Amino acid sequence: MIEKRMMGDYEIIHAMHIGDREIVVGDNPNAPEDERYLCVTCQYIDIFVKPENAVSSDDYTEIIQEYGKRVAEQAERTRPLVTQAKALGIDIRILTEKDCQRIDSNDDINNRIVVIRPTALRREYQMCTNQIMLCTGGFGAYPHSRGSACYCIDLYSGKQCRQERRDIMGTLNRSQLPKWAEATLHRHEQSKKRGHER
């Protein structure tokens, strides 16, 4: 039996996660008049959900119109992820297992350039600019560790993030890096070097 996904007293009957927001529609047959259906935008901050702009109605078609409008708006806000990279002349094709060296549980991936599995990414993020990272630590970076967290630096954005060991498909040699990733890695190394010199 599939467990119902709930938001308070509302069963989530439609949901679309695009970029940094999820748009959901909820149904509560026992809700007060004019509040049976709910459309809300959700932002996720760590394990917490921050609901935004909740709208309710007893008219399902009205809520679905609102849902479609919000999905379209969020898709438009997310499109620059793709268009910006393309405008910079970056080849955003997805990296596969053929493009990297496989890893197994015996491998130490600390300070290695890692590649995230495309299936671990939502569709809007499935491009190489979201796959190539420098693993900087975490229990998951060590061989045969009980932990799975790998702390990484995204070599496109330069931001720090957390990945799961199981989502790392393989590693790249430095010579395999595209220019944009090499540039971010170089900046990180220079910053680290300056920090050690202080």
N, C-alpha and C. Protein backbone atom coordinates (compact mmCIF):
# COMPACT_ATOMS: atom_id res chain seq x y z
N MET A 1 0.84 -1.20 0.00
CA MET A 1 0.00 0.00 0.00
C MET A 1 0.88 1.25 0.00
N ILE A 2 0.59 2.18 -0.91
CA ILE A 2 1.36 3.41 -1.01
C ILE A 2 0.90 4.38 0.08
N GLU A 3 1.86 4.86 0.85
CA GLU A 3 1.53 5.79 1.93
C GLU A 3 1.21 7.16 1.35
N LYS A 4 0.13 7.74 1.84
CA LYS A 4 -0.27 9.07 1.37
C LYS A 4 0.74 10.11 1.84
N ARG A 5 1.01 11.04 0.98
CA ARG A 5 1.87 12.16 1.37
C ARG A 5 0.96 13.27 1.87
N MET A 6 1.24 13.77 3.05
CA MET A 6 0.36 14.75 3.68
C MET A 6 1.09 16.07 3.93
N MET A 7 0.30 17.14 3.94
CA MET A 7 0.77 18.45 4.41
C MET A 7 -0.32 18.93 5.36
N GLY A 8 -0.05 18.76 6.65
CA GLY A 8 -1.10 19.03 7.62
C GLY A 8 -2.25 18.05 7.40
N ASP A 9 -3.48 18.57 7.22
CA ASP A 9 -4.65 17.73 6.98
C ASP A 9 -4.92 17.50 5.50
N TYR A 10 -4.05 17.99 4.65
CA TYR A 10 -4.25 17.88 3.20
C TYR A 10 -3.42 16.75 2.61
N GLU A 11 -4.06 15.92 1.79
CA GLU A 11 -3.33 14.90 1.04
C GLU A 11 -2.77 15.56 -0.22
N ILE A 12 -1.46 15.41 -0.45
CA ILE A 12 -0.85 15.97 -1.64
C ILE A 12 -1.24 15.10 -2.84
N ILE A 13 -1.97 15.69 -3.79
CA ILE A 13 -2.43 14.92 -4.95
C ILE A 13 -1.68 15.29 -6.24
N HIS A 14 -1.02 16.43 -6.26
CA HIS A 14 -0.16 16.82 -7.39
C HIS A 14 1.05 17.54 -6.82
N ALA A 15 2.21 17.29 -7.41
CA ALA A 15 3.43 17.97 -6.95
C ALA A 15 4.43 18.04 -8.09
N MET A 16 5.07 19.18 -8.23
CA MET A 16 6.11 19.36 -9.24
C MET A 16 7.26 20.13 -8.60
N HIS A 17 8.43 19.50 -8.56
CA HIS A 17 9.62 20.13 -7.99
C HIS A 17 10.46 20.65 -9.15
N ILE A 18 10.66 21.96 -9.20
CA ILE A 18 11.48 22.58 -10.26
C ILE A 18 12.43 23.56 -9.60
N GLY A 19 13.72 23.39 -9.86
CA GLY A 19 14.70 24.30 -9.27
C GLY A 19 14.65 24.24 -7.75
N ASP A 20 14.54 25.40 -7.13
CA ASP A 20 14.60 25.46 -5.66
C ASP A 20 13.23 25.50 -4.99
N ARG A 21 12.17 25.19 -5.73
CA ARG A 21 10.83 25.21 -5.17
C ARG A 21 10.03 23.99 -5.63
N GLU A 22 9.07 23.59 -4.81
CA GLU A 22 8.11 22.56 -5.20
C GLU A 22 6.72 23.16 -5.12
N ILE A 23 5.92 22.95 -6.17
CA ILE A 23 4.55 23.42 -6.20
C ILE A 23 3.66 22.21 -5.92
N VAL A 24 2.75 22.33 -4.94
CA VAL A 24 1.91 21.20 -4.58
C VAL A 24 0.43 21.59 -4.56
N VAL A 25 -0.41 20.59 -4.80
CA VAL A 25 -1.85 20.73 -4.65
C VAL A 25 -2.30 19.72 -3.61
N GLY A 26 -3.07 20.18 -2.64
CA GLY A 26 -3.58 19.30 -1.59
C GLY A 26 -5.09 19.22 -1.63
N ASP A 27 -5.62 18.11 -1.12
CA ASP A 27 -7.06 17.87 -1.07
C ASP A 27 -7.45 17.46 0.35
N ASN A 28 -8.43 18.14 0.90
CA ASN A 28 -8.95 17.80 2.23
C ASN A 28 -10.48 17.88 2.18
N PRO A 29 -11.16 16.75 1.97
CA PRO A 29 -12.62 16.76 1.88
C PRO A 29 -13.31 17.27 3.14
N ASN A 30 -12.60 17.26 4.27
CA ASN A 30 -13.19 17.70 5.54
C ASN A 30 -12.85 19.15 5.89
N ALA A 31 -12.23 19.85 4.96
CA ALA A 31 -11.85 21.24 5.23
C ALA A 31 -13.09 22.14 5.27
N PRO A 32 -12.96 23.30 5.89
CA PRO A 32 -14.08 24.26 5.87
C PRO A 32 -14.46 24.66 4.45
N GLU A 33 -15.62 25.25 4.30
CA GLU A 33 -16.12 25.68 3.00
C GLU A 33 -15.11 26.59 2.31
N ASP A 34 -14.94 26.40 1.02
CA ASP A 34 -14.01 27.16 0.17
C ASP A 34 -12.54 26.84 0.44
N GLU A 35 -12.25 25.78 1.20
CA GLU A 35 -10.85 25.46 1.51
C GLU A 35 -10.49 24.01 1.21
N ARG A 36 -11.35 23.31 0.43
CA ARG A 36 -11.07 21.88 0.19
C ARG A 36 -9.74 21.67 -0.53
N TYR A 37 -9.47 22.51 -1.54
CA TYR A 37 -8.25 22.34 -2.33
C TYR A 37 -7.26 23.45 -1.98
N LEU A 38 -5.99 23.07 -1.97
CA LEU A 38 -4.94 24.00 -1.58
C LEU A 38 -3.81 23.97 -2.61
N CYS A 39 -3.31 25.12 -2.98
CA CYS A 39 -2.11 25.21 -3.82
C CYS A 39 -1.08 26.02 -3.04
N VAL A 40 0.11 25.45 -2.91
CA VAL A 40 1.15 26.13 -2.12
C VAL A 40 2.52 25.88 -2.75
N THR A 41 3.37 26.87 -2.65
CA THR A 41 4.76 26.75 -3.10
C THR A 41 5.61 26.44 -1.87
N CYS A 42 6.50 25.45 -1.99
CA CYS A 42 7.31 25.04 -0.85
C CYS A 42 8.80 25.24 -1.12
N GLN A 43 9.48 25.80 -0.17
CA GLN A 43 10.93 25.91 -0.21
C GLN A 43 11.49 24.99 0.88
N TYR A 44 12.54 24.24 0.53
CA TYR A 44 13.13 23.30 1.48
C TYR A 44 14.46 23.85 1.99
N ILE A 45 14.56 24.02 3.30
CA ILE A 45 15.78 24.50 3.94
C ILE A 45 16.23 23.41 4.89
N ASP A 46 17.28 22.67 4.45
CA ASP A 46 17.70 21.47 5.17
C ASP A 46 16.51 20.51 5.25
N ILE A 47 16.09 20.16 6.46
CA ILE A 47 14.97 19.22 6.59
C ILE A 47 13.64 19.94 6.82
N PHE A 48 13.65 21.27 6.80
CA PHE A 48 12.45 22.04 7.08
C PHE A 48 11.77 22.49 5.79
N VAL A 49 10.44 22.54 5.84
CA VAL A 49 9.65 23.00 4.71
C VAL A 49 9.10 24.38 5.03
N LYS A 50 9.32 25.32 4.12
CA LYS A 50 8.79 26.67 4.30
C LYS A 50 7.70 26.90 3.25
N PRO A 51 6.41 26.81 3.65
CA PRO A 51 5.33 27.05 2.69
C PRO A 51 5.24 28.53 2.34
N GLU A 52 4.91 28.81 1.08
CA GLU A 52 4.79 30.19 0.61
C GLU A 52 3.50 30.34 -0.20
N ASN A 53 2.82 31.44 0.00
CA ASN A 53 1.69 31.84 -0.85
C ASN A 53 0.63 30.75 -1.01
N ALA A 54 0.10 30.28 0.10
CA ALA A 54 -0.96 29.27 0.04
C ALA A 54 -2.26 29.90 -0.45
N VAL A 55 -2.93 29.20 -1.37
CA VAL A 55 -4.23 29.62 -1.89
C VAL A 55 -5.17 28.44 -1.79
N SER A 56 -6.40 28.67 -1.30
CA SER A 56 -7.36 27.59 -1.18
C SER A 56 -8.65 27.93 -1.92
N SER A 57 -9.40 26.87 -2.27
CA SER A 57 -10.65 27.05 -3.00
C SER A 57 -11.43 25.74 -2.94
N ASP A 58 -12.75 25.82 -3.17
CA ASP A 58 -13.52 24.59 -3.32
C ASP A 58 -13.67 24.23 -4.79
N ASP A 59 -13.04 25.03 -5.66
CA ASP A 59 -13.11 24.82 -7.11
C ASP A 59 -11.79 24.19 -7.57
N TYR A 60 -11.84 22.90 -7.89
CA TYR A 60 -10.64 22.16 -8.29
C TYR A 60 -9.98 22.78 -9.52
N THR A 61 -10.78 23.18 -10.50
CA THR A 61 -10.22 23.73 -11.74
C THR A 61 -9.48 25.05 -11.48
N GLU A 62 -10.01 25.82 -10.55
CA GLU A 62 -9.35 27.08 -10.20
C GLU A 62 -7.97 26.82 -9.58
N ILE A 63 -7.90 25.82 -8.70
CA ILE A 63 -6.64 25.48 -8.05
C ILE A 63 -5.65 24.91 -9.07
N ILE A 64 -6.14 24.10 -10.00
CA ILE A 64 -5.26 23.54 -11.03
C ILE A 64 -4.73 24.64 -11.95
N GLN A 65 -5.54 25.64 -12.23
CA GLN A 65 -5.05 26.79 -13.01
C GLN A 65 -3.92 27.50 -12.27
N GLU A 66 -4.10 27.68 -10.96
CA GLU A 66 -3.07 28.32 -10.14
C GLU A 66 -1.81 27.47 -10.12
N TYR A 67 -1.99 26.17 -9.99
CA TYR A 67 -0.88 25.22 -9.98
C TYR A 67 -0.09 25.32 -11.29
N GLY A 68 -0.80 25.30 -12.42
CA GLY A 68 -0.14 25.40 -13.72
C GLY A 68 0.61 26.71 -13.90
N LYS A 69 0.01 27.78 -13.43
CA LYS A 69 0.65 29.11 -13.51
C LYS A 69 1.95 29.13 -12.70
N ARG A 70 1.90 28.57 -11.49
CA ARG A 70 3.10 28.58 -10.63
C ARG A 70 4.20 27.67 -11.18
N VAL A 71 3.80 26.52 -11.73
CA VAL A 71 4.79 25.62 -12.34
C VAL A 71 5.49 26.33 -13.49
N ALA A 72 4.71 27.01 -14.34
CA ALA A 72 5.28 27.73 -15.48
C ALA A 72 6.23 28.84 -15.02
N GLU A 73 5.83 29.59 -14.00
CA GLU A 73 6.66 30.68 -13.48
C GLU A 73 7.97 30.14 -12.89
N GLN A 74 7.88 29.03 -12.16
CA GLN A 74 9.08 28.45 -11.55
C GLN A 74 10.01 27.87 -12.61
N ALA A 75 9.42 27.29 -13.66
CA ALA A 75 10.23 26.78 -14.77
C ALA A 75 10.98 27.92 -15.45
N GLU A 76 10.31 29.06 -15.61
CA GLU A 76 10.96 30.22 -16.24
C GLU A 76 12.09 30.76 -15.37
N ARG A 77 11.89 30.74 -14.04
CA ARG A 77 12.96 31.20 -13.13
C ARG A 77 14.15 30.26 -13.15
N THR A 78 13.90 28.99 -13.45
CA THR A 78 14.95 27.98 -13.41
C THR A 78 15.71 27.88 -14.73
N ARG A 79 15.11 28.32 -15.83
CA ARG A 79 15.73 28.20 -17.15
C ARG A 79 17.13 28.78 -17.25
N PRO A 80 17.46 29.89 -16.57
CA PRO A 80 18.82 30.43 -16.67
C PRO A 80 19.92 29.43 -16.29
N LEU A 81 19.58 28.39 -15.50
CA LEU A 81 20.57 27.36 -15.19
C LEU A 81 21.15 26.76 -16.47
N VAL A 82 20.27 26.60 -17.46
CA VAL A 82 20.68 26.02 -18.73
C VAL A 82 21.18 27.10 -19.68
N THR A 83 20.41 28.16 -19.83
CA THR A 83 20.74 29.17 -20.83
C THR A 83 22.04 29.91 -20.52
N GLN A 84 22.33 30.13 -19.23
CA GLN A 84 23.57 30.83 -18.87
C GLN A 84 24.79 30.01 -19.28
N ALA A 85 24.77 28.72 -18.98
CA ALA A 85 25.90 27.87 -19.34
C ALA A 85 26.07 27.81 -20.86
N LYS A 86 24.96 27.68 -21.58
CA LYS A 86 25.03 27.62 -23.05
C LYS A 86 25.57 28.93 -23.62
N ALA A 87 25.14 30.05 -23.01
CA ALA A 87 25.60 31.37 -23.48
C ALA A 87 27.11 31.52 -23.29
N LEU A 88 27.66 30.82 -22.31
CA LEU A 88 29.10 30.87 -22.07
C LEU A 88 29.86 29.88 -22.95
N GLY A 89 29.13 29.18 -23.80
CA GLY A 89 29.76 28.23 -24.73
C GLY A 89 30.10 26.90 -24.08
N ILE A 90 29.48 26.60 -22.95
CA ILE A 90 29.77 25.35 -22.24
C ILE A 90 28.95 24.21 -22.83
N ASP A 91 29.62 23.11 -23.07
CA ASP A 91 28.94 21.89 -23.49
C ASP A 91 28.33 21.26 -22.24
N ILE A 92 26.99 21.25 -22.16
CA ILE A 92 26.34 20.81 -20.94
C ILE A 92 25.89 19.34 -20.99
N ARG A 93 26.39 18.60 -21.96
CA ARG A 93 25.94 17.20 -22.08
C ARG A 93 26.18 16.45 -20.77
N ILE A 94 25.32 15.49 -20.50
CA ILE A 94 25.39 14.70 -19.27
C ILE A 94 26.59 13.76 -19.33
N LEU A 95 27.33 13.68 -18.25
CA LEU A 95 28.44 12.73 -18.15
C LEU A 95 27.90 11.37 -17.71
N THR A 96 28.43 10.31 -18.32
CA THR A 96 28.01 8.95 -18.00
C THR A 96 29.21 8.18 -17.44
N GLU A 97 28.98 6.92 -17.11
CA GLU A 97 30.05 6.09 -16.56
C GLU A 97 31.24 5.96 -17.52
N LYS A 98 30.98 6.07 -18.81
CA LYS A 98 32.05 5.98 -19.80
C LYS A 98 33.01 7.17 -19.73
N ASP A 99 32.56 8.26 -19.12
CA ASP A 99 33.36 9.49 -19.09
C ASP A 99 34.25 9.59 -17.86
N CYS A 100 34.16 8.64 -16.93
CA CYS A 100 34.93 8.76 -15.69
C CYS A 100 35.45 7.39 -15.24
N GLN A 101 36.28 7.42 -14.20
CA GLN A 101 36.81 6.19 -13.64
C GLN A 101 35.91 5.75 -12.49
N ARG A 102 35.45 4.53 -12.55
CA ARG A 102 34.56 4.01 -11.51
C ARG A 102 35.23 3.96 -10.15
N ILE A 103 34.42 4.04 -9.11
CA ILE A 103 34.93 3.87 -7.75
C ILE A 103 34.19 2.71 -7.09
N ASP A 104 34.80 2.17 -6.06
CA ASP A 104 34.11 1.16 -5.26
C ASP A 104 34.35 1.46 -3.79
N SER A 105 33.91 0.59 -2.91
CA SER A 105 33.98 0.85 -1.47
C SER A 105 35.41 0.90 -0.93
N ASN A 106 36.38 0.44 -1.72
CA ASN A 106 37.78 0.47 -1.29
C ASN A 106 38.46 1.81 -1.56
N ASP A 107 37.80 2.67 -2.32
CA ASP A 107 38.45 3.91 -2.76
C ASP A 107 38.28 5.06 -1.76
N ASP A 108 39.37 5.76 -1.53
CA ASP A 108 39.37 6.99 -0.75
C ASP A 108 39.18 8.13 -1.76
N ILE A 109 38.12 8.89 -1.61
CA ILE A 109 37.85 9.95 -2.59
C ILE A 109 38.08 11.35 -2.02
N ASN A 110 38.76 11.43 -0.88
CA ASN A 110 39.14 12.74 -0.34
C ASN A 110 40.01 13.47 -1.34
N ASN A 111 39.71 14.74 -1.58
CA ASN A 111 40.47 15.59 -2.49
C ASN A 111 40.52 15.03 -3.92
N ARG A 112 39.51 14.27 -4.27
CA ARG A 112 39.41 13.76 -5.64
C ARG A 112 38.30 14.52 -6.36
N ILE A 113 38.42 14.61 -7.67
CA ILE A 113 37.37 15.21 -8.49
C ILE A 113 36.36 14.11 -8.78
N VAL A 114 35.13 14.33 -8.36
CA VAL A 114 34.11 13.30 -8.47
C VAL A 114 33.00 13.72 -9.43
N VAL A 115 32.29 12.71 -9.92
CA VAL A 115 31.20 12.94 -10.87
C VAL A 115 29.92 12.37 -10.26
N ILE A 116 28.88 13.20 -10.19
CA ILE A 116 27.60 12.79 -9.62
C ILE A 116 26.77 12.06 -10.68
N ARG A 117 26.13 10.97 -10.26
CA ARG A 117 25.25 10.23 -11.17
C ARG A 117 24.13 11.14 -11.68
N PRO A 118 23.84 11.13 -12.96
CA PRO A 118 22.73 11.97 -13.45
C PRO A 118 21.39 11.60 -12.82
N THR A 119 21.21 10.31 -12.51
CA THR A 119 19.94 9.87 -11.91
C THR A 119 19.76 10.38 -10.48
N ALA A 120 20.83 10.88 -9.87
CA ALA A 120 20.72 11.45 -8.52
C ALA A 120 20.27 12.91 -8.58
N LEU A 121 20.19 13.45 -9.78
CA LEU A 121 19.81 14.85 -9.98
C LEU A 121 18.42 14.94 -10.60
N ARG A 122 17.66 15.94 -10.20
CA ARG A 122 16.38 16.15 -10.86
C ARG A 122 16.63 16.56 -12.32
N ARG A 123 15.65 16.37 -13.16
CA ARG A 123 15.84 16.54 -14.61
C ARG A 123 16.38 17.91 -15.00
N GLU A 124 15.94 18.96 -14.31
CA GLU A 124 16.40 20.29 -14.66
C GLU A 124 17.87 20.51 -14.33
N TYR A 125 18.43 19.63 -13.49
CA TYR A 125 19.83 19.74 -13.11
C TYR A 125 20.72 18.71 -13.80
N GLN A 126 20.15 17.91 -14.68
CA GLN A 126 20.92 16.86 -15.32
C GLN A 126 21.77 17.42 -16.47
N MET A 127 22.92 17.94 -16.09
CA MET A 127 23.90 18.47 -17.03
C MET A 127 25.25 18.46 -16.32
N CYS A 128 26.32 18.43 -17.10
CA CYS A 128 27.64 18.25 -16.49
C CYS A 128 28.03 19.37 -15.53
N THR A 129 27.45 20.55 -15.70
CA THR A 129 27.77 21.65 -14.79
C THR A 129 27.27 21.40 -13.37
N ASN A 130 26.42 20.41 -13.19
CA ASN A 130 25.96 20.03 -11.85
C ASN A 130 26.52 18.69 -11.40
N GLN A 131 27.42 18.11 -12.20
CA GLN A 131 27.95 16.79 -11.88
C GLN A 131 29.39 16.79 -11.38
N ILE A 132 30.18 17.77 -11.77
CA ILE A 132 31.61 17.72 -11.48
C ILE A 132 31.91 18.50 -10.19
N MET A 133 32.50 17.80 -9.22
CA MET A 133 32.75 18.40 -7.91
C MET A 133 34.09 17.94 -7.35
N LEU A 134 34.59 18.72 -6.43
CA LEU A 134 35.79 18.34 -5.67
C LEU A 134 35.32 17.85 -4.32
N CYS A 135 35.63 16.60 -3.98
CA CYS A 135 35.26 16.05 -2.67
C CYS A 135 36.30 16.51 -1.65
N THR A 136 35.86 17.21 -0.61
CA THR A 136 36.78 17.78 0.38
C THR A 136 36.74 17.06 1.73
N GLY A 137 35.85 16.07 1.88
CA GLY A 137 35.80 15.36 3.15
C GLY A 137 34.46 14.76 3.43
N GLY A 138 34.24 14.41 4.70
CA GLY A 138 33.02 13.73 5.10
C GLY A 138 33.29 12.24 5.30
N PHE A 139 32.52 11.60 6.16
CA PHE A 139 32.72 10.18 6.43
C PHE A 139 32.61 9.34 5.16
N GLY A 140 31.71 9.73 4.27
CA GLY A 140 31.50 8.96 3.05
C GLY A 140 32.68 8.98 2.09
N ALA A 141 33.62 9.90 2.31
CA ALA A 141 34.78 9.99 1.42
C ALA A 141 35.81 8.91 1.71
N TYR A 142 35.69 8.26 2.87
CA TYR A 142 36.69 7.26 3.27
C TYR A 142 36.23 5.85 2.87
N PRO A 143 37.19 4.96 2.63
CA PRO A 143 36.82 3.59 2.29
C PRO A 143 36.13 2.87 3.45
N HIS A 144 35.13 2.07 3.12
CA HIS A 144 34.42 1.22 4.08
C HIS A 144 33.90 1.98 5.30
N SER A 145 33.50 3.20 5.09
CA SER A 145 32.99 4.02 6.19
C SER A 145 31.51 3.71 6.43
N ARG A 146 31.10 3.82 7.69
CA ARG A 146 29.68 3.67 8.00
C ARG A 146 28.89 4.90 7.56
N GLY A 147 29.55 6.05 7.52
CA GLY A 147 28.88 7.27 7.08
C GLY A 147 28.80 7.35 5.58
N SER A 148 27.91 8.18 5.08
CA SER A 148 27.75 8.31 3.63
C SER A 148 27.90 9.73 3.11
N ALA A 149 27.98 10.70 4.02
CA ALA A 149 28.05 12.11 3.59
C ALA A 149 29.42 12.45 3.00
N CYS A 150 29.39 13.07 1.84
CA CYS A 150 30.62 13.57 1.20
C CYS A 150 30.44 15.08 1.01
N TYR A 151 31.35 15.85 1.57
CA TYR A 151 31.28 17.30 1.41
C TYR A 151 32.10 17.70 0.19
N CYS A 152 31.48 18.51 -0.63
CA CYS A 152 32.07 18.81 -1.95
C CYS A 152 32.02 20.29 -2.26
N ILE A 153 32.82 20.67 -3.24
CA ILE A 153 32.73 22.00 -3.84
C ILE A 153 32.29 21.81 -5.28
N ASP A 154 31.18 22.43 -5.62
CA ASP A 154 30.65 22.38 -6.98
C ASP A 154 31.61 23.16 -7.88
N LEU A 155 32.17 22.51 -8.89
CA LEU A 155 33.18 23.17 -9.72
C LEU A 155 32.59 24.04 -10.83
N TYR A 156 31.29 24.22 -10.82
CA TYR A 156 30.67 25.22 -11.70
C TYR A 156 30.33 26.48 -10.90
N SER A 157 29.61 26.29 -9.81
CA SER A 157 29.17 27.45 -9.01
C SER A 157 30.20 27.87 -7.96
N GLY A 158 31.07 26.93 -7.56
CA GLY A 158 32.02 27.21 -6.49
C GLY A 158 31.42 27.06 -5.10
N LYS A 159 30.15 26.66 -5.02
CA LYS A 159 29.48 26.55 -3.73
C LYS A 159 29.78 25.20 -3.07
N GLN A 160 29.73 25.20 -1.74
CA GLN A 160 29.89 23.97 -0.99
C GLN A 160 28.56 23.25 -0.92
N CYS A 161 28.61 21.94 -0.95
CA CYS A 161 27.38 21.16 -0.89
C CYS A 161 27.68 19.79 -0.28
N ARG A 162 26.62 19.06 -0.01
CA ARG A 162 26.75 17.70 0.52
C ARG A 162 26.18 16.72 -0.50
N GLN A 163 26.90 15.64 -0.72
CA GLN A 163 26.44 14.57 -1.60
C GLN A 163 26.51 13.25 -0.84
N GLU A 164 25.76 12.29 -1.28
CA GLU A 164 25.82 10.95 -0.71
C GLU A 164 26.81 10.11 -1.50
N ARG A 165 27.58 9.28 -0.82
CA ARG A 165 28.58 8.43 -1.48
C ARG A 165 27.93 7.60 -2.61
N ARG A 166 26.74 7.08 -2.37
CA ARG A 166 26.09 6.24 -3.37
C ARG A 166 25.75 7.01 -4.65
N ASP A 167 25.70 8.33 -4.56
CA ASP A 167 25.36 9.15 -5.73
C ASP A 167 26.59 9.55 -6.53
N ILE A 168 27.76 9.16 -6.08
CA ILE A 168 28.99 9.47 -6.81
C ILE A 168 29.30 8.33 -7.77
N MET A 169 29.33 8.65 -9.05
CA MET A 169 29.46 7.66 -10.11
C MET A 169 30.91 7.28 -10.36
N GLY A 170 31.83 8.24 -10.19
CA GLY A 170 33.23 7.97 -10.46
C GLY A 170 34.07 9.21 -10.25
N THR A 171 35.30 9.15 -10.72
CA THR A 171 36.22 10.28 -10.58
C THR A 171 36.77 10.69 -11.93
N LEU A 172 37.32 11.90 -11.98
CA LEU A 172 37.99 12.42 -13.17
C LEU A 172 39.42 12.77 -12.81
N ASN A 173 40.31 12.59 -13.75
CA ASN A 173 41.66 13.11 -13.61
C ASN A 173 41.62 14.59 -13.95
N ARG A 174 42.57 15.32 -13.44
CA ARG A 174 42.58 16.76 -13.70
C ARG A 174 42.66 17.06 -15.20
N SER A 175 43.37 16.22 -15.93
CA SER A 175 43.52 16.42 -17.37
C SER A 175 42.19 16.27 -18.13
N GLN A 176 41.20 15.65 -17.46
CA GLN A 176 39.89 15.45 -18.10
C GLN A 176 38.92 16.60 -17.83
N LEU A 177 39.33 17.54 -16.99
CA LEU A 177 38.42 18.61 -16.61
C LEU A 177 38.16 19.58 -17.76
N PRO A 178 36.91 20.00 -17.95
CA PRO A 178 36.64 21.09 -18.88
C PRO A 178 37.22 22.39 -18.31
N LYS A 179 37.41 23.37 -19.16
CA LYS A 179 38.06 24.62 -18.74
C LYS A 179 37.34 25.30 -17.58
N TRP A 180 36.01 25.30 -17.61
CA TRP A 180 35.27 26.00 -16.55
C TRP A 180 35.51 25.34 -15.19
N ALA A 181 35.60 24.01 -15.16
CA ALA A 181 35.85 23.31 -13.90
C ALA A 181 37.29 23.52 -13.43
N GLU A 182 38.21 23.51 -14.36
CA GLU A 182 39.63 23.76 -14.03
C GLU A 182 39.80 25.14 -13.43
N ALA A 183 39.09 26.13 -13.98
CA ALA A 183 39.20 27.51 -13.48
C ALA A 183 38.70 27.61 -12.04
N THR A 184 37.58 26.97 -11.72
CA THR A 184 37.05 27.00 -10.35
C THR A 184 37.96 26.26 -9.40
N LEU A 185 38.48 25.11 -9.85
CA LEU A 185 39.41 24.35 -9.01
C LEU A 185 40.66 25.15 -8.71
N HIS A 186 41.18 25.85 -9.71
CA HIS A 186 42.37 26.68 -9.52
C HIS A 186 42.10 27.79 -8.50
N ARG A 187 40.94 28.45 -8.60
CA ARG A 187 40.60 29.50 -7.64
C ARG A 187 40.51 28.94 -6.23
N HIS A 188 39.92 27.76 -6.09
CA HIS A 188 39.82 27.13 -4.78
C HIS A 188 41.20 26.83 -4.21
N GLU A 189 42.10 26.31 -5.04
CA GLU A 189 43.45 25.97 -4.59
C GLU A 189 44.22 27.21 -4.18
N GLN A 190 44.07 28.29 -4.93
CA GLN A 190 44.75 29.54 -4.60
C GLN A 190 44.23 30.11 -3.29
N SER A 191 42.91 30.04 -3.09
CA SER A 191 42.31 30.54 -1.85
C SER A 191 42.79 29.73 -0.66
N LYS A 192 42.87 28.43 -0.83
CA LYS A 192 43.33 27.54 0.24
C LYS A 192 44.79 27.82 0.56
N LYS A 193 45.58 28.05 -0.48
CA LYS A 193 47.00 28.34 -0.30
C LYS A 193 47.19 29.64 0.48
N ARG A 194 46.42 30.67 0.13
CA ARG A 194 46.52 31.95 0.84
C ARG A 194 46.13 31.79 2.31
N GLY A 195 45.11 30.92 2.55
CA GLY A 195 44.69 30.67 3.94
C GLY A 195 45.77 30.03 4.76
N HIS A 196 46.57 29.15 4.15
CA HIS A 196 47.67 28.49 4.86
C HIS A 196 48.83 29.42 5.12
N GLU A 197 48.97 30.44 4.26
CA GLU A 197 50.10 31.36 4.38
C GLU A 197 49.88 32.41 5.46
N ARG A 198 48.65 32.56 5.92
CA ARG A 198 48.37 33.60 6.94
C ARG A 198 48.88 33.18 8.30
